Protein backbone atom coordinates (compact mmCIF):
# COMPACT_ATOMS: atom_id res chain seq x y z
CA MET A 1 101.55 75.19 38.83
CA VAL A 2 102.18 75.72 35.12
CA ASP A 3 105.90 76.25 35.74
CA GLU A 4 106.13 72.76 37.29
CA LEU A 5 105.03 71.00 34.09
CA VAL A 6 107.66 68.75 32.49
CA VAL A 7 108.55 69.93 28.98
CA ARG A 8 111.03 69.02 26.27
CA CYS A 9 113.74 71.22 24.85
CA LEU A 10 112.77 73.47 21.94
CA ASN A 11 115.63 71.86 19.97
CA ASN A 12 114.18 68.38 20.38
CA GLU A 13 113.86 67.90 16.60
CA ARG A 14 117.58 68.65 16.20
CA GLY A 15 118.51 65.90 18.64
CA CYS A 16 118.42 67.41 22.14
CA THR A 17 117.02 64.92 24.68
CA TRP A 18 116.71 67.33 27.61
CA LYS A 19 113.58 67.24 29.80
CA GLY A 20 112.83 69.51 32.70
CA ARG A 21 110.47 71.91 34.39
CA ARG A 22 108.96 74.72 32.35
CA TRP A 23 110.73 77.37 34.41
CA GLU A 24 114.12 75.81 33.53
CA ILE A 25 113.76 75.80 29.76
CA GLU A 26 114.79 79.42 29.18
CA ASN A 27 118.11 79.02 30.97
CA HIS A 28 118.72 75.68 29.23
CA VAL A 29 118.09 76.99 25.71
CA LYS A 30 120.06 80.22 26.16
CA HIS A 31 123.10 78.93 28.01
CA LEU A 32 123.31 75.12 28.10
CA CYS A 33 121.71 73.47 25.07
CA GLY A 34 124.31 72.32 22.56
CA TYR A 35 121.79 72.42 19.69
CA THR A 36 120.94 76.13 19.98
CA GLY A 37 122.07 78.21 16.99
CA VAL A 38 124.80 80.77 17.74
CA HIS A 39 127.17 82.84 15.65
CA CYS A 40 130.41 81.06 14.85
CA ASN A 41 132.66 84.11 15.52
CA GLY A 42 135.67 82.08 14.45
CA ILE A 43 138.50 83.81 12.62
CA ARG A 44 138.23 83.28 8.86
CA SER A 45 140.97 83.83 6.32
CA THR A 46 139.44 81.83 3.46
CA THR A 47 136.03 81.66 1.85
CA SER A 48 133.56 78.81 2.14
CA PRO A 49 130.62 77.64 0.00
CA ASP A 50 128.38 78.44 2.99
CA HIS A 51 129.13 82.18 2.73
CA SER A 52 127.12 84.56 0.62
CA ASN A 53 128.65 86.53 -2.24
CA GLU A 54 128.85 89.65 -0.08
CA GLU A 55 130.69 87.83 2.68
CA THR A 56 133.00 86.19 0.14
CA ASN A 57 133.93 89.56 -1.38
CA LYS A 58 134.54 91.02 2.07
CA ILE A 59 136.83 88.16 3.01
CA LYS A 60 138.78 88.59 -0.23
CA GLU A 61 139.21 92.31 0.51
CA LEU A 62 140.51 91.53 3.98
CA GLN A 63 142.85 88.92 2.56
CA GLU A 64 144.35 91.52 0.26
CA ALA A 65 144.78 93.82 3.27
CA ASP A 66 146.30 90.96 5.35
CA GLU A 67 143.41 91.14 7.81
CA THR A 68 140.98 88.56 9.18
CA ILE A 69 137.23 88.49 9.74
CA ASN A 70 135.04 86.72 12.28
CA CYS A 71 132.62 84.24 10.74
CA GLN A 72 128.98 85.24 11.34
CA LEU A 73 127.35 82.05 10.13
CA LEU A 74 124.99 80.29 12.53
CA VAL A 75 126.21 77.04 14.00
CA GLU A 76 125.06 74.80 16.83
CA ARG A 77 126.67 75.63 20.17
CA ARG A 78 128.24 72.18 20.52
CA PHE A 79 130.48 72.91 17.51
CA SER A 80 131.65 76.36 18.67
CA GLU A 81 133.61 75.53 21.81
CA ASP A 82 136.84 76.95 20.34
CA HIS A 83 136.07 80.58 19.43
CA ASP A 84 139.48 81.17 17.84
CA VAL A 85 138.93 78.76 14.95
CA CYS A 86 136.03 78.87 12.50
CA VAL A 87 134.13 75.60 12.40
CA HIS A 88 133.47 76.09 8.67
CA LEU A 89 137.13 75.80 7.69
CA ILE A 90 137.60 72.97 5.20
CA TYR A 91 140.35 70.41 5.85
CA GLY A 92 141.10 66.86 4.85
CA CYS A 93 139.83 63.84 6.76
CA LEU A 94 142.67 62.24 8.71
CA LEU A 95 141.68 58.77 7.45
CA CYS A 96 140.54 59.08 3.84
CA GLY A 97 141.49 62.66 2.91
CA ALA A 98 137.97 63.80 1.98
CA GLU A 99 137.10 67.46 2.50
CA VAL A 100 135.23 68.00 5.78
CA THR A 101 134.57 70.70 8.38
CA ARG A 102 134.17 70.43 12.13
CA VAL A 103 130.40 70.45 11.58
CA THR A 104 130.40 67.59 9.05
CA GLU A 105 133.35 65.55 10.35
CA GLY A 106 131.29 63.47 12.80
CA GLN A 107 128.67 62.51 10.21
CA HIS A 108 131.41 61.80 7.66
CA LEU A 109 133.21 59.36 9.99
CA LEU A 110 130.00 57.53 10.90
CA GLU A 111 128.27 57.36 7.50
CA GLU A 112 130.75 58.05 4.68
CA CYS A 113 134.42 57.41 5.53
CA PRO A 114 135.55 54.03 4.07
CA LEU A 115 138.66 53.87 6.29
CA ASN A 116 137.01 54.41 9.68
CA PHE A 117 137.11 50.79 10.82
CA ALA A 118 135.36 49.36 13.87
CA THR A 119 135.33 45.99 15.63
CA CYS A 120 132.30 43.71 15.45
CA GLU A 121 131.38 42.57 18.94
CA LEU A 122 130.01 39.25 17.63
CA CYS A 123 132.77 37.97 15.33
CA GLN A 124 135.62 40.23 16.60
CA ASN A 125 136.41 41.38 13.06
CA ASP A 126 138.21 44.71 13.39
CA MET A 127 138.23 45.64 9.69
CA ILE A 128 134.55 46.55 9.27
CA PRO A 129 133.90 50.14 8.07
CA HIS A 130 131.77 52.00 10.58
CA LYS A 131 129.24 52.91 7.91
CA SER A 132 128.65 49.18 7.22
CA MET A 133 128.62 48.04 10.85
CA LYS A 134 124.82 47.94 11.19
CA LYS A 135 124.39 45.68 8.16
CA HIS A 136 127.33 43.52 9.27
CA ASN A 137 125.76 43.02 12.71
CA GLU A 138 122.50 41.94 11.09
CA ASN A 139 124.38 39.38 8.98
CA CYS A 140 126.21 38.10 12.07
CA ARG A 141 122.92 37.61 13.89
CA LYS A 142 121.42 35.80 10.88
CA SER A 143 124.42 33.46 10.81
CA GLY A 144 123.62 32.40 14.36
CA ARG A 145 126.35 34.20 16.30
CA LYS A 146 125.47 34.40 19.99
CA ARG A 147 126.92 36.56 22.74
CA CYS A 148 126.92 36.10 26.48
CA PRO A 149 124.24 38.22 28.22
CA ALA A 150 127.02 39.58 30.45
CA HIS A 151 129.03 41.02 27.55
CA GLU A 152 128.24 44.54 28.75
CA ILE A 153 130.30 43.97 31.92
CA GLY A 154 133.27 42.23 30.31
CA CYS A 155 132.42 38.67 29.18
CA GLU A 156 133.94 38.08 25.73
CA TRP A 157 132.33 34.69 24.99
CA THR A 158 130.70 34.18 21.59
CA GLY A 159 129.11 31.05 20.13
CA ASN A 160 127.27 29.72 17.12
CA ASN A 161 124.06 28.33 18.64
CA GLU A 162 121.75 28.30 21.65
CA PRO A 163 123.05 25.00 23.14
CA ALA A 164 126.56 26.42 23.31
CA LEU A 165 125.21 29.48 25.11
CA GLU A 166 123.31 27.29 27.57
CA ILE A 167 126.45 25.26 28.31
CA HIS A 168 128.36 28.49 28.84
CA LEU A 169 125.78 29.77 31.35
CA GLN A 170 124.86 26.59 33.22
CA GLY A 171 126.51 25.54 36.46
CA GLY A 172 127.96 28.97 37.16
CA ASN A 173 130.57 28.69 34.40
CA CYS A 174 130.25 32.41 33.58
CA MET A 175 131.01 34.42 36.71
CA PHE A 176 130.12 37.64 34.90
CA ASN A 177 126.58 36.39 34.35
CA LEU A 178 126.24 35.63 38.08
CA LEU A 179 127.27 39.18 38.94
CA LEU A 180 125.10 40.80 36.24
CA PRO A 181 121.76 40.97 38.18
CA PHE A 182 123.44 42.39 41.25
CA LEU A 183 125.34 45.01 39.25
CA LYS A 184 122.19 46.05 37.39
CA THR A 185 120.31 46.43 40.68
CA THR A 186 123.17 48.48 42.07
CA GLU A 187 123.28 50.72 39.01
CA SER A 188 119.51 51.27 39.09
CA ARG A 189 119.62 52.23 42.77
CA ILE A 190 122.50 54.63 42.24
CA SER A 191 120.69 56.14 39.24
CA GLU A 192 117.52 56.63 41.30
CA VAL A 193 119.46 58.33 44.08
CA GLU A 194 121.28 60.58 41.61
CA ASN A 195 118.04 61.56 39.86
CA GLU A 196 116.39 62.30 43.19
CA ASN A 197 119.36 64.41 44.20
CA LYS A 198 119.21 66.36 40.92
CA TYR A 199 115.49 66.92 41.32
CA LEU A 200 115.91 68.22 44.87
CA ARG A 201 118.69 70.53 43.79
CA LYS A 202 116.48 71.94 41.04
CA GLN A 203 113.66 72.43 43.53
CA ILE A 204 115.96 74.29 45.91
CA GLN A 205 117.27 76.46 43.07
CA TYR A 206 113.73 77.21 41.95
CA ILE A 207 112.73 78.30 45.47
CA LEU A 208 115.80 80.50 45.80
CA ASP A 209 115.18 82.08 42.39
CA SER A 210 111.56 82.74 43.33
CA ILE A 211 112.64 84.45 46.55
CA VAL A 212 115.16 86.62 44.71
CA GLN A 213 112.55 87.60 42.10
CA GLY A 214 110.01 88.50 44.82
CA LYS A 215 107.52 85.78 43.91
CA VAL A 216 107.34 84.49 47.51
CA THR A 217 105.45 86.74 49.96
CA ASN A 218 105.20 86.81 53.74
CA LEU A 219 101.99 84.70 53.73
CA GLY A 220 100.80 86.29 57.01
CA TYR A 221 103.85 85.49 59.14
CA SER A 222 105.47 88.10 61.36
CA GLU A 223 108.93 87.57 59.85
CA SER A 224 110.10 89.83 57.08
CA LEU A 225 110.83 88.58 53.56
CA GLU A 226 114.59 88.59 54.25
CA GLU A 227 114.12 86.46 57.36
CA ILE A 228 111.89 84.05 55.49
CA GLY A 229 114.53 83.81 52.77
CA THR A 230 117.24 83.10 55.34
CA ILE A 231 115.16 80.40 57.03
CA THR A 232 114.34 78.85 53.67
CA LYS A 233 118.00 78.79 52.69
CA ASP A 234 118.95 77.14 55.99
CA ILE A 235 116.24 74.52 55.58
CA ALA A 236 117.24 73.89 51.99
CA ARG A 237 120.89 73.57 53.00
CA LEU A 238 120.04 71.08 55.75
CA GLN A 239 117.86 69.06 53.40
CA ASP A 240 120.59 69.05 50.81
CA GLN A 241 123.12 67.86 53.38
CA ASN A 242 120.76 65.12 54.54
CA ARG A 243 120.28 63.95 50.97
CA LEU A 244 124.01 63.89 50.41
CA LEU A 245 124.53 61.87 53.60
CA HIS A 246 121.83 59.46 52.49
CA LEU A 247 123.50 59.16 49.10
CA ASP A 248 126.88 58.45 50.72
CA TYR A 249 125.27 55.84 52.96
CA GLU A 250 123.63 54.11 50.00
CA ILE A 251 126.89 54.07 48.05
CA GLU A 252 128.79 52.58 51.01
CA ARG A 253 126.10 49.97 51.58
CA LEU A 254 126.12 48.93 47.93
CA ARG A 255 129.92 48.80 47.96
CA SER A 256 129.90 46.53 51.03
CA GLU A 257 127.33 44.24 49.41
CA LEU A 258 129.47 44.07 46.30
CA ASP A 259 132.52 43.16 48.40
CA GLU A 260 130.54 40.41 50.14
CA LYS A 261 129.64 38.93 46.78
CA ILE A 262 133.04 39.23 45.12
CA ASN A 263 135.48 38.42 47.97
CA PRO A 264 134.37 34.76 48.42
CA PHE A 265 134.64 34.22 44.69
CA MET A 266 138.14 35.72 44.61
CA GLU A 267 139.26 33.61 47.60
CA ARG A 268 137.87 30.44 46.04
CA GLU A 269 139.62 31.17 42.77
CA ALA A 270 142.90 31.84 44.62
CA ASN A 271 142.63 28.50 46.45
CA ASN A 272 141.88 26.67 43.20
CA LEU A 273 144.87 28.34 41.60
CA SER A 274 147.18 27.23 44.43
CA ASP A 275 145.86 23.65 44.19
CA GLN A 276 146.39 23.61 40.45
CA GLN A 277 149.92 24.94 40.94
CA ALA A 278 150.66 22.14 43.44
CA VAL A 279 149.36 19.50 41.01
CA LEU A 280 151.44 21.00 38.22
CA ASN A 281 154.57 20.95 40.39
CA GLY A 282 153.91 17.28 41.25
CA LEU A 283 153.60 16.42 37.57
CA VAL A 284 156.86 18.21 36.82
CA ASN A 285 158.65 16.28 39.58
CA ASP A 286 157.23 12.96 38.36
CA ASN A 287 158.35 13.80 34.85
CA CYS A 288 161.89 14.48 36.04
CA MET A 289 161.98 11.19 37.98
CA MET A 290 160.74 9.24 34.95
CA LYS A 291 163.35 10.91 32.79
CA ASP A 292 166.14 9.90 35.21
CA GLU A 293 164.79 6.32 35.33
CA MET A 294 164.73 6.13 31.54
CA ASN A 295 168.32 7.36 31.35
CA LEU A 296 169.36 4.68 33.89
CA GLN A 297 167.58 1.92 31.92
CA ARG A 298 169.20 3.15 28.74
CA ALA A 299 172.65 2.95 30.36
CA LEU A 300 171.96 -0.59 31.58
CA ILE A 301 170.83 -1.67 28.12
CA ASN A 302 174.00 -0.25 26.57
CA SER A 303 176.09 -2.12 29.15
CA LEU A 304 174.30 -5.41 28.41
CA ARG A 305 174.75 -4.88 24.69
CA LYS A 306 178.50 -4.41 25.14
CA GLN A 307 178.74 -7.54 27.30
CA VAL A 308 176.85 -9.65 24.74
CA GLN A 309 179.08 -8.39 21.96
CA PHE A 310 182.16 -9.19 24.04
CA TYR A 311 181.02 -12.78 24.78
CA SER A 312 180.05 -13.34 21.18
CA PHE A 313 183.45 -12.16 19.98
CA ARG A 314 185.25 -14.34 22.56
CA ASN A 315 183.24 -17.42 21.57
CA ARG A 316 184.20 -16.99 17.95
CA LEU A 317 187.90 -16.90 18.87
CA HIS A 318 187.80 -19.67 21.52
CA ILE A 319 187.46 -22.78 19.25
CA SER A 320 189.51 -26.03 18.89
CA PRO A 321 192.13 -26.54 16.07
CA GLY A 322 190.04 -29.21 14.40
CA THR A 323 187.06 -27.00 14.39
CA MET A 324 189.16 -24.19 12.96
CA ILE A 325 190.33 -26.44 10.10
CA GLN A 326 186.78 -27.54 9.43
CA SER A 327 185.66 -23.97 9.38
CA LEU A 328 188.30 -23.16 6.83
CA ASP A 329 187.06 -26.02 4.56
CA VAL A 330 183.48 -24.86 4.73
CA ASP A 331 182.00 -23.56 1.52
CA ASP A 332 182.10 -19.81 1.06
CA SER A 333 178.35 -19.79 0.72
CA GLN A 334 177.92 -20.43 4.48
CA SER A 335 179.85 -17.30 5.48
CA PRO A 336 177.10 -14.89 4.41
CA SER A 337 174.54 -16.93 6.35
CA ARG A 338 176.64 -16.80 9.54
CA SER A 339 177.33 -13.12 9.12
CA SER A 340 173.64 -12.47 8.50
CA SER A 341 172.67 -14.41 11.64
CA GLU A 342 175.17 -12.39 13.65
CA GLU A 343 173.73 -9.17 12.23
CA ARG A 344 170.23 -10.27 13.30
CA ILE A 345 171.52 -10.96 16.82
CA ASN A 346 173.12 -7.53 16.95
CA LEU A 347 169.93 -5.89 15.70
CA LYS A 348 167.87 -7.67 18.36
CA LEU A 349 170.30 -6.50 21.00
């Protein structure tokens, strides 16, 4: 009964969020937990401020002898995946050039590096240092920046006030927001099934470990311990298979429901797109026809202008001799007026 109690990892204060049965904690801490302290064992050829004087002198002696030494400093398991390289080696940050190690690089990029830029999800500014992102987000919220509730599934809308957000959401304008409740329900169901599957697997493993360790006895049955173990394994295997089949069924059902929700929307959008394309083609054709009509009218106007000019010129030449003599005796001051009147006629044409 005590082994079934739910406990936290012993490295919880360091950041490990693992929870499990009491009988699982030993295996987790020794083999799986990334926050457990282990020896670095990486090859060192230089000294580090983390080493003691004795270790520093030993490294210097090995350097003189052209030999290497394995680092024996304690480090969390999550930093010691590569056993050939010491995690305490100092190198320059790729962005700002500051001295970091594999242990301190993550904290440096998040809290110290001035050139590690990130993008604000509210104002889309991509030149905000990561260390200042929290304060920047608070300022964006104070300035009234609003985001669509469905931003977590892809909606990129942002606004300045609540009325704009209401207009964005009303009438089904945001399709992402319509899909959001269904997707959250689907994710919660899948998560429940996965957690149940993990729990059952742990239970089966616990029973098998108990049988191997001799903690399960015959309990008065005529079968031997080996036969009981075989029967238990068969039952556990069948239960595991049934759970997997149930999980596959749930996934297929959720996928079919998702298709039923999305396919009508996609078909409707495709039809709307085809209608809009037809309207656009009609407008293009009308535009071409109007352009041809304008060119025809322009040609007719040019033809009329030429005809008017021709008749005007002929009328000036087709006059009687008496009129011609009178026109010659007219004062020179009338010529500018006639020429100006002709210019006005030409301008009107």
